[in-house]
Each structure stands twice: as structure tokens, then as C-alpha cells.
Amino acid sequence: MNIDDLNEKFIEEAAKREEIARQKCGHRPGRFQAMARQQGALHAAIKLISTKEPSEGLKKLYLCQGEIPDAHKLSIEQLYIEFAEQYRSQFPDLFPDDVIQRARAKLPNK
């Protein structure tokens, strides 16, 4: 697997989660997809995660907790953590410790 394959896989999984969020609580994320097209999916995720405040998408997912138990698991932050666990050994530069820690800090029970 190369970085382009990994980015494509990340986008595909993000799209699946976005569709669930759209169906269950009307959340229509758009910022990530626009950023992913411009910068690549993982670089876009890193940029969103690296901000001090939670992303708008994550805030909206928290508001949907009544509709979707554990709605935060649909977030880019959660997806990034999952990809880090699976692909960090192959792509260590895409999964630095500080970004993983920020992603975890923005999610409950992490």
C-alpha cells in the first residue's frame, strides 16, 4: 500500500461515516471533504485535529448523541486514531504522537 491508497481508503471510510451521520442526525459535513481534495485526506485530518478547539463536525456529532449512541465514533478524530493503530508502522510520518494524543483528547473516555 502506498500513501495514495491510504488516503483513498481514509476518504472511503470517512464517506461511510458521514453518510451514517447524515441519515441519523442530518449532519452534512463538508469542510473535511473539501480539505481532503486539496491537501490529501490524512493531511486534512491532521490539520483539523491539530486545532485547539474541536472541529465543527465533532461538535455537531456530540449534539447527536441522543440519536446515535457514541456518535463521536463517526468522527474524523476517531477514524484517524483507528488508522494510526493499523498503519502507523508503515507510515510513521502521517501519525505523529502529538496528533494522536490531540485526537484522543478531543474524544470522550480517551
PDB file of N, CA and C in Angstrom:
ATOM      1  N   MET A   1       0.848  -1.180   0.000  1.00  0.00           N
ATOM      2  CA  MET A   1       0.000   0.000   0.000  1.00  0.00           C
ATOM      3  C   MET A   1       0.889   1.237   0.000  1.00  0.00           C
ATOM      4  N   ASN A   2       0.515   2.216  -0.827  1.00  0.00           N
ATOM      5  CA  ASN A   2       1.247   3.477  -0.835  1.00  0.00           C
ATOM      6  C   ASN A   2       0.374   4.573  -0.218  1.00  0.00           C
ATOM      7  N   ILE A   3       0.917   5.771  -0.129  1.00  0.00           N
ATOM      8  CA  ILE A   3       0.199   6.863   0.531  1.00  0.00           C
ATOM      9  C   ILE A   3      -1.086   7.233  -0.203  1.00  0.00           C
ATOM     10  N   ASP A   4      -1.090   7.148  -1.523  1.00  0.00           N
ATOM     11  CA  ASP A   4      -2.315   7.445  -2.275  1.00  0.00           C
ATOM     12  C   ASP A   4      -3.413   6.436  -1.948  1.00  0.00           C
ATOM     13  N   ASP A   5      -3.035   5.170  -1.850  1.00  0.00           N
ATOM     14  CA  ASP A   5      -4.012   4.134  -1.470  1.00  0.00           C
ATOM     15  C   ASP A   5      -4.558   4.386  -0.067  1.00  0.00           C
ATOM     16  N   LEU A   6      -3.668   4.760   0.837  1.00  0.00           N
ATOM     17  CA  LEU A   6      -4.080   5.019   2.213  1.00  0.00           C
ATOM     18  C   LEU A   6      -5.031   6.213   2.276  1.00  0.00           C
ATOM     19  N   ASN A   7      -4.709   7.284   1.553  1.00  0.00           N
ATOM     20  CA  ASN A   7      -5.597   8.451   1.506  1.00  0.00           C
ATOM     21  C   ASN A   7      -6.964   8.073   0.942  1.00  0.00           C
ATOM     22  N   GLU A   8      -6.980   7.281  -0.108  1.00  0.00           N
ATOM     23  CA  GLU A   8      -8.238   6.860  -0.714  1.00  0.00           C
ATOM     24  C   GLU A   8      -9.057   6.012   0.261  1.00  0.00           C
ATOM     25  N   LYS A   9      -8.389   5.128   0.963  1.00  0.00           N
ATOM     26  CA  LYS A   9      -9.072   4.286   1.944  1.00  0.00           C
ATOM     27  C   LYS A   9      -9.653   5.145   3.070  1.00  0.00           C
ATOM     28  N   PHE A  10      -8.915   6.148   3.498  1.00  0.00           N
ATOM     29  CA  PHE A  10      -9.384   7.051   4.546  1.00  0.00           C
ATOM     30  C   PHE A  10     -10.619   7.808   4.066  1.00  0.00           C
ATOM     31  N   ILE A  11     -10.578   8.329   2.848  1.00  0.00           N
ATOM     32  CA  ILE A  11     -11.713   9.061   2.287  1.00  0.00           C
ATOM     33  C   ILE A  11     -12.938   8.152   2.195  1.00  0.00           C
ATOM     34  N   GLU A  12     -12.750   6.933   1.743  1.00  0.00           N
ATOM     35  CA  GLU A  12     -13.876   5.994   1.630  1.00  0.00           C
ATOM     36  C   GLU A  12     -14.514   5.724   2.978  1.00  0.00           C
ATOM     37  N   GLU A  13     -13.694   5.494   3.985  1.00  0.00           N
ATOM     38  CA  GLU A  13     -14.236   5.224   5.315  1.00  0.00           C
ATOM     39  C   GLU A  13     -14.900   6.472   5.896  1.00  0.00           C
ATOM     40  N   ALA A  14     -14.298   7.636   5.674  1.00  0.00           N
ATOM     41  CA  ALA A  14     -14.910   8.879   6.148  1.00  0.00           C
ATOM     42  C   ALA A  14     -16.270   9.085   5.491  1.00  0.00           C
ATOM     43  N   ALA A  15     -16.373   8.784   4.203  1.00  0.00           N
ATOM     44  CA  ALA A  15     -17.641   8.947   3.485  1.00  0.00           C
ATOM     45  C   ALA A  15     -18.720   8.029   4.057  1.00  0.00           C
ATOM     46  N   LYS A  16     -18.358   6.811   4.425  1.00  0.00           N
ATOM     47  CA  LYS A  16     -19.318   5.887   5.034  1.00  0.00           C
ATOM     48  C   LYS A  16     -19.843   6.451   6.355  1.00  0.00           C
ATOM     49  N   ARG A  17     -18.934   6.978   7.146  1.00  0.00           N
ATOM     50  CA  ARG A  17     -19.325   7.527   8.447  1.00  0.00           C
ATOM     51  C   ARG A  17     -20.161   8.794   8.271  1.00  0.00           C
ATOM     52  N   GLU A  18     -19.793   9.606   7.293  1.00  0.00           N
ATOM     53  CA  GLU A  18     -20.555  10.820   7.013  1.00  0.00           C
ATOM     54  C   GLU A  18     -21.988  10.479   6.589  1.00  0.00           C
ATOM     55  N   GLU A  19     -22.142   9.431   5.827  1.00  0.00           N
ATOM     56  CA  GLU A  19     -23.475   9.026   5.385  1.00  0.00           C
ATOM     57  C   GLU A  19     -24.333   8.589   6.572  1.00  0.00           C
ATOM     58  N   ILE A  20     -23.757   7.862   7.500  1.00  0.00           N
ATOM     59  CA  ILE A  20     -24.487   7.466   8.706  1.00  0.00           C
ATOM     60  C   ILE A  20     -24.904   8.702   9.496  1.00  0.00           C
ATOM     61  N   ALA A  21     -23.979   9.646   9.663  1.00  0.00           N
ATOM     62  CA  ALA A  21     -24.283  10.874  10.403  1.00  0.00           C
ATOM     63  C   ALA A  21     -25.366  11.683   9.688  1.00  0.00           C
ATOM     64  N   ARG A  22     -25.338  11.709   8.373  1.00  0.00           N
ATOM     65  CA  ARG A  22     -26.351  12.431   7.608  1.00  0.00           C
ATOM     66  C   ARG A  22     -27.724  11.787   7.790  1.00  0.00           C
ATOM     67  N   GLN A  23     -27.769  10.468   7.679  1.00  0.00           N
ATOM     68  CA  GLN A  23     -29.043   9.757   7.802  1.00  0.00           C
ATOM     69  C   GLN A  23     -29.626   9.836   9.208  1.00  0.00           C
ATOM     70  N   LYS A  24     -28.789   9.692  10.211  1.00  0.00           N
ATOM     71  CA  LYS A  24     -29.271   9.602  11.592  1.00  0.00           C
ATOM     72  C   LYS A  24     -29.557  10.954  12.236  1.00  0.00           C
ATOM     73  N   CYS A  25     -28.778  11.990  11.873  1.00  0.00           N
ATOM     74  CA  CYS A  25     -28.988  13.266  12.570  1.00  0.00           C
ATOM     75  C   CYS A  25     -28.902  14.484  11.658  1.00  0.00           C
ATOM     76  N   GLY A  26     -28.911  14.263  10.366  1.00  0.00           N
ATOM     77  CA  GLY A  26     -28.924  15.389   9.440  1.00  0.00           C
ATOM     78  C   GLY A  26     -27.614  16.143   9.351  1.00  0.00           C
ATOM     79  N   HIS A  27     -26.556  15.588   9.894  1.00  0.00           N
ATOM     80  CA  HIS A  27     -25.238  16.237   9.856  1.00  0.00           C
ATOM     81  C   HIS A  27     -24.650  16.088   8.460  1.00  0.00           C
ATOM     82  N   ARG A  28     -24.326  17.199   7.846  1.00  0.00           N
ATOM     83  CA  ARG A  28     -23.748  17.194   6.499  1.00  0.00           C
ATOM     84  C   ARG A  28     -22.357  17.813   6.539  1.00  0.00           C
ATOM     85  N   PRO A  29     -21.358  17.016   6.851  1.00  0.00           N
ATOM     86  CA  PRO A  29     -20.005  17.558   6.899  1.00  0.00           C
ATOM     87  C   PRO A  29     -19.532  17.930   5.503  1.00  0.00           C
ATOM     88  N   GLY A  30     -18.842  18.997   5.403  1.00  0.00           N
ATOM     89  CA  GLY A  30     -18.342  19.412   4.106  1.00  0.00           C
ATOM     90  C   GLY A  30     -16.912  19.896   4.144  1.00  0.00           C
ATOM     91  N   ARG A  31     -16.510  20.442   5.273  1.00  0.00           N
ATOM     92  CA  ARG A  31     -15.165  21.015   5.380  1.00  0.00           C
ATOM     93  C   ARG A  31     -14.084  19.967   5.148  1.00  0.00           C
ATOM     94  N   PHE A  32     -14.233  18.801   5.756  1.00  0.00           N
ATOM     95  CA  PHE A  32     -13.208  17.780   5.604  1.00  0.00           C
ATOM     96  C   PHE A  32     -13.064  17.357   4.151  1.00  0.00           C
ATOM     97  N   GLN A  33     -14.172  17.091   3.477  1.00  0.00           N
ATOM     98  CA  GLN A  33     -14.090  16.630   2.086  1.00  0.00           C
ATOM     99  C   GLN A  33     -13.401  17.665   1.207  1.00  0.00           C
ATOM    100  N   ALA A  34     -13.709  18.936   1.404  1.00  0.00           N
ATOM    101  CA  ALA A  34     -13.060  19.996   0.625  1.00  0.00           C
ATOM    102  C   ALA A  34     -11.558  20.033   0.914  1.00  0.00           C
ATOM    103  N   MET A  35     -11.212  19.942   2.180  1.00  0.00           N
ATOM    104  CA  MET A  35      -9.796  19.945   2.556  1.00  0.00           C
ATOM    105  C   MET A  35      -9.087  18.707   2.013  1.00  0.00           C
ATOM    106  N   ALA A  36      -9.748  17.571   2.067  1.00  0.00           N
ATOM    107  CA  ALA A  36      -9.137  16.319   1.597  1.00  0.00           C
ATOM    108  C   ALA A  36      -8.818  16.386   0.108  1.00  0.00           C
ATOM    109  N   ARG A  37      -9.707  16.997  -0.656  1.00  0.00           N
ATOM    110  CA  ARG A  37      -9.457  17.135  -2.096  1.00  0.00           C
ATOM    111  C   ARG A  37      -8.242  18.028  -2.365  1.00  0.00           C
ATOM    112  N   GLN A  38      -8.066  19.039  -1.544  1.00  0.00           N
ATOM    113  CA  GLN A  38      -6.971  19.986  -1.737  1.00  0.00           C
ATOM    114  C   GLN A  38      -5.640  19.474  -1.187  1.00  0.00           C
ATOM    115  N   GLN A  39      -5.669  18.833  -0.023  1.00  0.00           N
ATOM    116  CA  GLN A  39      -4.441  18.515   0.709  1.00  0.00           C
ATOM    117  C   GLN A  39      -4.135  17.032   0.839  1.00  0.00           C
ATOM    118  N   GLY A  40      -5.087  16.197   0.516  1.00  0.00           N
ATOM    119  CA  GLY A  40      -4.969  14.773   0.823  1.00  0.00           C
ATOM    120  C   GLY A  40      -5.693  14.511   2.126  1.00  0.00           C
ATOM    121  N   ALA A  41      -6.311  13.365   2.223  1.00  0.00           N
ATOM    122  CA  ALA A  41      -7.191  13.062   3.353  1.00  0.00           C
ATOM    123  C   ALA A  41      -6.482  13.085   4.697  1.00  0.00           C
ATOM    124  N   LEU A  42      -5.337  12.448   4.786  1.00  0.00           N
ATOM    125  CA  LEU A  42      -4.667  12.373   6.086  1.00  0.00           C
ATOM    126  C   LEU A  42      -4.092  13.721   6.504  1.00  0.00           C
ATOM    127  N   HIS A  43      -3.575  14.484   5.566  1.00  0.00           N
ATOM    128  CA  HIS A  43      -3.081  15.826   5.912  1.00  0.00           C
ATOM    129  C   HIS A  43      -4.236  16.723   6.341  1.00  0.00           C
ATOM    130  N   ALA A  44      -5.391  16.578   5.704  1.00  0.00           N
ATOM    131  CA  ALA A  44      -6.577  17.340   6.110  1.00  0.00           C
ATOM    132  C   ALA A  44      -7.002  16.935   7.516  1.00  0.00           C
ATOM    133  N   ALA A  45      -6.999  15.644   7.807  1.00  0.00           N
ATOM    134  CA  ALA A  45      -7.366  15.168   9.143  1.00  0.00           C
ATOM    135  C   ALA A  45      -6.396  15.724  10.191  1.00  0.00           C
ATOM    136  N   ILE A  46      -5.119  15.691   9.893  1.00  0.00           N
ATOM    137  CA  ILE A  46      -4.117  16.219  10.824  1.00  0.00           C
ATOM    138  C   ILE A  46      -4.381  17.699  11.091  1.00  0.00           C
ATOM    139  N   LYS A  47      -4.686  18.439  10.047  1.00  0.00           N
ATOM    140  CA  LYS A  47      -4.944  19.874  10.203  1.00  0.00           C
ATOM    141  C   LYS A  47      -6.174  20.110  11.086  1.00  0.00           C
ATOM    142  N   LEU A  48      -7.246  19.373  10.855  1.00  0.00           N
ATOM    143  CA  LEU A  48      -8.447  19.519  11.688  1.00  0.00           C
ATOM    144  C   LEU A  48      -8.184  19.133  13.136  1.00  0.00           C
ATOM    145  N   ILE A  49      -7.487  18.049  13.325  1.00  0.00           N
ATOM    146  CA  ILE A  49      -7.203  17.552  14.674  1.00  0.00           C
ATOM    147  C   ILE A  49      -6.266  18.487  15.430  1.00  0.00           C
ATOM    148  N   SER A  50      -5.357  19.130  14.722  1.00  0.00           N
ATOM    149  CA  SER A  50      -4.337  19.962  15.359  1.00  0.00           C
ATOM    150  C   SER A  50      -4.851  21.304  15.862  1.00  0.00           C
ATOM    151  N   THR A  51      -6.080  21.660  15.523  1.00  0.00           N
ATOM    152  CA  THR A  51      -6.631  22.915  16.040  1.00  0.00           C
ATOM    153  C   THR A  51      -6.905  22.770  17.533  1.00  0.00           C
ATOM    154  N   LYS A  52      -6.899  23.890  18.214  1.00  0.00           N
ATOM    155  CA  LYS A  52      -7.116  23.876  19.657  1.00  0.00           C
ATOM    156  C   LYS A  52      -8.542  23.435  20.005  1.00  0.00           C
ATOM    157  N   GLU A  53      -9.503  23.933  19.269  1.00  0.00           N
ATOM    158  CA  GLU A  53     -10.911  23.643  19.528  1.00  0.00           C
ATOM    159  C   GLU A  53     -11.357  22.406  18.734  1.00  0.00           C
ATOM    160  N   PRO A  54     -12.386  21.724  19.207  1.00  0.00           N
ATOM    161  CA  PRO A  54     -12.959  20.618  18.422  1.00  0.00           C
ATOM    162  C   PRO A  54     -13.505  21.148  17.096  1.00  0.00           C
ATOM    163  N   SER A  55     -13.454  20.327  16.078  1.00  0.00           N
ATOM    164  CA  SER A  55     -13.970  20.719  14.773  1.00  0.00           C
ATOM    165  C   SER A  55     -15.487  20.918  14.846  1.00  0.00           C
ATOM    166  N   GLU A  56     -16.026  21.666  13.895  1.00  0.00           N
ATOM    167  CA  GLU A  56     -17.477  21.851  13.834  1.00  0.00           C
ATOM    168  C   GLU A  56     -18.184  20.502  13.677  1.00  0.00           C
ATOM    169  N   GLY A  57     -17.590  19.623  12.876  1.00  0.00           N
ATOM    170  CA  GLY A  57     -18.181  18.302  12.685  1.00  0.00           C
ATOM    171  C   GLY A  57     -18.261  17.517  13.977  1.00  0.00           C
ATOM    172  N   LEU A  58     -17.213  17.563  14.769  1.00  0.00           N
ATOM    173  CA  LEU A  58     -17.226  16.845  16.047  1.00  0.00           C
ATOM    174  C   LEU A  58     -18.256  17.458  16.992  1.00  0.00           C
ATOM    175  N   LYS A  59     -18.349  18.771  17.002  1.00  0.00           N
ATOM    176  CA  LYS A  59     -19.358  19.426  17.848  1.00  0.00           C
ATOM    177  C   LYS A  59     -20.764  18.981  17.447  1.00  0.00           C
ATOM    178  N   LYS A  60     -21.017  18.926  16.150  1.00  0.00           N
ATOM    179  CA  LYS A  60     -22.339  18.502  15.681  1.00  0.00           C
ATOM    180  C   LYS A  60     -22.613  17.049  16.041  1.00  0.00           C
ATOM    181  N   LEU A  61     -21.601  16.213  15.977  1.00  0.00           N
ATOM    182  CA  LEU A  61     -21.791  14.810  16.361  1.00  0.00           C
ATOM    183  C   LEU A  61     -22.119  14.684  17.849  1.00  0.00           C
ATOM    184  N   TYR A  62     -21.484  15.500  18.681  1.00  0.00           N
ATOM    185  CA  TYR A  62     -21.813  15.470  20.112  1.00  0.00           C
ATOM    186  C   TYR A  62     -23.274  15.827  20.341  1.00  0.00           C
ATOM    187  N   LEU A  63     -23.806  16.745  19.543  1.00  0.00           N
ATOM    188  CA  LEU A  63     -25.209  17.128  19.665  1.00  0.00           C
ATOM    189  C   LEU A  63     -26.149  16.001  19.248  1.00  0.00           C
ATOM    190  N   CYS A  64     -25.639  15.050  18.496  1.00  0.00           N
ATOM    191  CA  CYS A  64     -26.449  13.924  18.005  1.00  0.00           C
ATOM    192  C   CYS A  64     -26.382  12.704  18.912  1.00  0.00           C
ATOM    193  N   GLN A  65     -25.765  12.825  20.058  1.00  0.00           N
ATOM    194  CA  GLN A  65     -25.598  11.664  20.940  1.00  0.00           C
ATOM    195  C   GLN A  65     -26.925  10.979  21.244  1.00  0.00           C
ATOM    196  N   GLY A  66     -28.030  11.730  21.313  1.00  0.00           N
ATOM    197  CA  GLY A  66     -29.322  11.112  21.576  1.00  0.00           C
ATOM    198  C   GLY A  66     -29.810  10.259  20.416  1.00  0.00           C
ATOM    199  N   GLU A  67     -29.463  10.648  19.214  1.00  0.00           N
ATOM    200  CA  GLU A  67     -29.873   9.916  18.016  1.00  0.00           C
ATOM    201  C   GLU A  67     -28.926   8.757  17.700  1.00  0.00           C
ATOM    202  N   ILE A  68     -27.669   8.991  17.942  1.00  0.00           N
ATOM    203  CA  ILE A  68     -26.641   7.991  17.629  1.00  0.00           C
ATOM    204  C   ILE A  68     -25.787   7.784  18.872  1.00  0.00           C
ATOM    205  N   PRO A  69     -25.998   6.694  19.598  1.00  0.00           N
ATOM    206  CA  PRO A  69     -25.109   6.434  20.736  1.00  0.00           C
ATOM    207  C   PRO A  69     -23.654   6.370  20.244  1.00  0.00           C
ATOM    208  N   ASP A  70     -22.774   6.965  20.983  1.00  0.00           N
ATOM    209  CA  ASP A  70     -21.356   7.003  20.617  1.00  0.00           C
ATOM    210  C   ASP A  70     -21.142   7.666  19.253  1.00  0.00           C
ATOM    211  N   ALA A  71     -21.871   8.747  18.999  1.00  0.00           N
ATOM    212  CA  ALA A  71     -21.776   9.451  17.715  1.00  0.00           C
ATOM    213  C   ALA A  71     -20.351   9.902  17.422  1.00  0.00           C
ATOM    214  N   HIS A  72     -19.579  10.180  18.465  1.00  0.00           N
ATOM    215  CA  HIS A  72     -18.187  10.614  18.252  1.00  0.00           C
ATOM    216  C   HIS A  72     -17.365   9.568  17.494  1.00  0.00           C
ATOM    217  N   LYS A  73     -17.820   8.313  17.513  1.00  0.00           N
ATOM    218  CA  LYS A  73     -17.093   7.265  16.793  1.00  0.00           C
ATOM    219  C   LYS A  73     -17.198   7.423  15.285  1.00  0.00           C
ATOM    220  N   LEU A  74     -18.058   8.324  14.825  1.00  0.00           N
ATOM    221  CA  LEU A  74     -18.170   8.628  13.399  1.00  0.00           C
ATOM    222  C   LEU A  74     -17.235   9.765  12.981  1.00  0.00           C
ATOM    223  N   SER A  75     -16.502  10.308  13.923  1.00  0.00           N
ATOM    224  CA  SER A  75     -15.687  11.496  13.681  1.00  0.00           C
ATOM    225  C   SER A  75     -14.385  11.196  12.952  1.00  0.00           C
ATOM    226  N   ILE A  76     -13.852  12.246  12.348  1.00  0.00           N
ATOM    227  CA  ILE A  76     -12.533  12.180  11.709  1.00  0.00           C
ATOM    228  C   ILE A  76     -11.477  11.857  12.758  1.00  0.00           C
ATOM    229  N   GLU A  77     -11.652  12.403  13.961  1.00  0.00           N
ATOM    230  CA  GLU A  77     -10.698  12.132  15.040  1.00  0.00           C
ATOM    231  C   GLU A  77     -10.626  10.641  15.348  1.00  0.00           C
ATOM    232  N   GLN A  78     -11.776  10.011  15.478  1.00  0.00           N
ATOM    233  CA  GLN A  78     -11.811   8.569  15.766  1.00  0.00           C
ATOM    234  C   GLN A  78     -11.233   7.769  14.604  1.00  0.00           C
ATOM    235  N   LEU A  79     -11.589   8.153  13.397  1.00  0.00           N
ATOM    236  CA  LEU A  79     -11.073   7.447  12.220  1.00  0.00           C
ATOM    237  C   LEU A  79      -9.552   7.560  12.147  1.00  0.00           C
ATOM    238  N   TYR A  80      -9.029   8.736  12.443  1.00  0.00           N
ATOM    239  CA  TYR A  80      -7.575   8.937  12.434  1.00  0.00           C
ATOM    240  C   TYR A  80      -6.904   8.013  13.457  1.00  0.00           C
ATOM    241  N   ILE A  81      -7.464   7.916  14.644  1.00  0.00           N
ATOM    242  CA  ILE A  81      -6.908   7.030  15.667  1.00  0.00           C
ATOM    243  C   ILE A  81      -6.909   5.583  15.182  1.00  0.00           C
ATOM    244  N   GLU A  82      -8.005   5.153  14.583  1.00  0.00           N
ATOM    245  CA  GLU A  82      -8.097   3.784  14.070  1.00  0.00           C
ATOM    246  C   GLU A  82      -7.054   3.521  12.983  1.00  0.00           C
ATOM    247  N   PHE A  83      -6.875   4.491  12.094  1.00  0.00           N
ATOM    248  CA  PHE A  83      -5.872   4.331  11.043  1.00  0.00           C
ATOM    249  C   PHE A  83      -4.465   4.340  11.633  1.00  0.00           C
ATOM    250  N   ALA A  84      -4.235   5.165  12.644  1.00  0.00           N
ATOM    251  CA  ALA A  84      -2.930   5.193  13.300  1.00  0.00           C
ATOM    252  C   ALA A  84      -2.598   3.823  13.892  1.00  0.00           C
ATOM    253  N   GLU A  85      -3.575   3.214  14.533  1.00  0.00           N
ATOM    254  CA  GLU A  85      -3.353   1.900  15.129  1.00  0.00           C
ATOM    255  C   GLU A  85      -3.017   0.856  14.067  1.00  0.00           C
ATOM    256  N   GLN A  86      -3.604   0.990  12.904  1.00  0.00           N
ATOM    257  CA  GLN A  86      -3.404  -0.006  11.860  1.00  0.00           C
ATOM    258  C   GLN A  86      -2.209   0.280  10.941  1.00  0.00           C
ATOM    259  N   TYR A  87      -1.928   1.547  10.667  1.00  0.00           N
ATOM    260  CA  TYR A  87      -0.954   1.875   9.617  1.00  0.00           C
ATOM    261  C   TYR A  87       0.264   2.667  10.078  1.00  0.00           C
ATOM    262  N   ARG A  88       0.355   2.964  11.347  1.00  0.00           N
ATOM    263  CA  ARG A  88       1.469   3.785  11.834  1.00  0.00           C
ATOM    264  C   ARG A  88       2.830   3.167  11.551  1.00  0.00           C
ATOM    265  N   SER A  89       2.944   1.877  11.638  1.00  0.00           N
ATOM    266  CA  SER A  89       4.244   1.247  11.396  1.00  0.00           C
ATOM    267  C   SER A  89       4.705   1.442   9.949  1.00  0.00           C
ATOM    268  N   GLN A  90       3.770   1.512   9.000  1.00  0.00           N
ATOM    269  CA  GLN A  90       4.114   1.721   7.597  1.00  0.00           C
ATOM    270  C   GLN A  90       4.303   3.192   7.253  1.00  0.00           C
ATOM    271  N   PHE A  91       3.557   4.069   7.922  1.00  0.00           N
ATOM    272  CA  PHE A  91       3.557   5.489   7.605  1.00  0.00           C
ATOM    273  C   PHE A  91       3.728   6.328   8.875  1.00  0.00           C
ATOM    274  N   PRO A  92       4.874   6.210   9.542  1.00  0.00           N
ATOM    275  CA  PRO A  92       5.035   6.888  10.834  1.00  0.00           C
ATOM    276  C   PRO A  92       4.930   8.415  10.740  1.00  0.00           C
ATOM    277  N   ASP A  93       5.322   9.007   9.616  1.00  0.00           N
ATOM    278  CA  ASP A  93       5.264  10.466   9.489  1.00  0.00           C
ATOM    279  C   ASP A  93       3.822  10.990   9.442  1.00  0.00           C
ATOM    280  N   LEU A  94       2.877  10.149   9.071  1.00  0.00           N
ATOM    281  CA  LEU A  94       1.478  10.567   8.998  1.00  0.00           C
ATOM    282  C   LEU A  94       0.744  10.419  10.329  1.00  0.00           C
ATOM    283  N   PHE A  95       1.384   9.771  11.304  1.00  0.00           N
ATOM    284  CA  PHE A  95       0.727   9.506  12.577  1.00  0.00           C
ATOM    285  C   PHE A  95       1.639   9.869  13.753  1.00  0.00           C
ATOM    286  N   PRO A  96       2.024  11.155  13.856  1.00  0.00           N
ATOM    287  CA  PRO A  96       2.894  11.554  14.971  1.00  0.00           C
ATOM    288  C   PRO A  96       2.153  11.475  16.311  1.00  0.00           C
ATOM    289  N   ASP A  97       2.916  11.224  17.360  1.00  0.00           N
ATOM    290  CA  ASP A  97       2.347  11.077  18.701  1.00  0.00           C
ATOM    291  C   ASP A  97       1.468  12.251  19.106  1.00  0.00           C
ATOM    292  N   ASP A  98       1.926  13.476  18.845  1.00  0.00           N
ATOM    293  CA  ASP A  98       1.173  14.632  19.315  1.00  0.00           C
ATOM    294  C   ASP A  98      -0.200  14.740  18.647  1.00  0.00           C
ATOM    295  N   VAL A  99      -0.315  14.345  17.389  1.00  0.00           N
ATOM    296  CA  VAL A  99      -1.603  14.407  16.702  1.00  0.00           C
ATOM    297  C   VAL A  99      -2.531  13.308  17.230  1.00  0.00           C
ATOM    298  N   ILE A 100      -1.986  12.135  17.440  1.00  0.00           N
ATOM    299  CA  ILE A 100      -2.788  11.043  18.009  1.00  0.00           C
ATOM    300  C   ILE A 100      -3.300  11.454  19.390  1.00  0.00           C
ATOM    301  N   GLN A 101      -2.448  12.062  20.195  1.00  0.00           N
ATOM    302  CA  GLN A 101      -2.846  12.491  21.537  1.00  0.00           C
ATOM    303  C   GLN A 101      -3.925  13.570  21.473  1.00  0.00           C
ATOM    304  N   ARG A 102      -3.795  14.505  20.537  1.00  0.00           N
ATOM    305  CA  ARG A 102      -4.829  15.546  20.384  1.00  0.00           C
ATOM    306  C   ARG A 102      -6.168  14.928  19.978  1.00  0.00           C
ATOM    307  N   ALA A 103      -6.111  13.974  19.049  1.00  0.00           N
ATOM    308  CA  ALA A 103      -7.346  13.314  18.611  1.00  0.00           C
ATOM    309  C   ALA A 103      -8.012  12.618  19.795  1.00  0.00           C
ATOM    310  N   ARG A 104      -7.230  11.923  20.572  1.00  0.00           N
ATOM    311  CA  ARG A 104      -7.780  11.211  21.745  1.00  0.00           C
ATOM    312  C   ARG A 104      -8.346  12.189  22.768  1.00  0.00           C
ATOM    313  N   ALA A 105      -7.665  13.316  22.950  1.00  0.00           N
ATOM    314  CA  ALA A 105      -8.102  14.307  23.947  1.00  0.00           C
ATOM    315  C   ALA A 105      -9.437  14.945  23.569  1.00  0.00           C
ATOM    316  N   LYS A 106      -9.739  14.984  22.282  1.00  0.00           N
ATOM    317  CA  LYS A 106     -10.995  15.596  21.832  1.00  0.00           C
ATOM    318  C   LYS A 106     -12.176  14.645  21.924  1.00  0.00           C
ATOM    319  N   LEU A 107     -11.902  13.392  22.175  1.00  0.00           N
ATOM    320  CA  LEU A 107     -12.963  12.372  22.251  1.00  0.00           C
ATOM    321  C   LEU A 107     -13.215  11.994  23.702  1.00  0.00           C
ATOM    322  N   PRO A 108     -14.433  11.595  24.018  1.00  0.00           N
ATOM    323  CA  PRO A 108     -14.716  11.173  25.403  1.00  0.00           C
ATOM    324  C   PRO A 108     -14.017   9.853  25.732  1.00  0.00           C
ATOM    325  N   ASN A 109     -13.703   9.695  27.016  1.00  0.00           N
ATOM    326  CA  ASN A 109     -13.127   8.434  27.525  1.00  0.00           C
ATOM    327  C   ASN A 109     -11.823   8.059  26.863  1.00  0.00           C
ATOM    328  N   LYS A 110     -11.044   9.038  26.484  1.00  0.00           N
ATOM    329  CA  LYS A 110      -9.747   8.738  25.868  1.00  0.00           C
ATOM    330  C   LYS A 110      -8.634   9.287  26.710  1.00  0.00           C
TER     331      LYS A 110
END
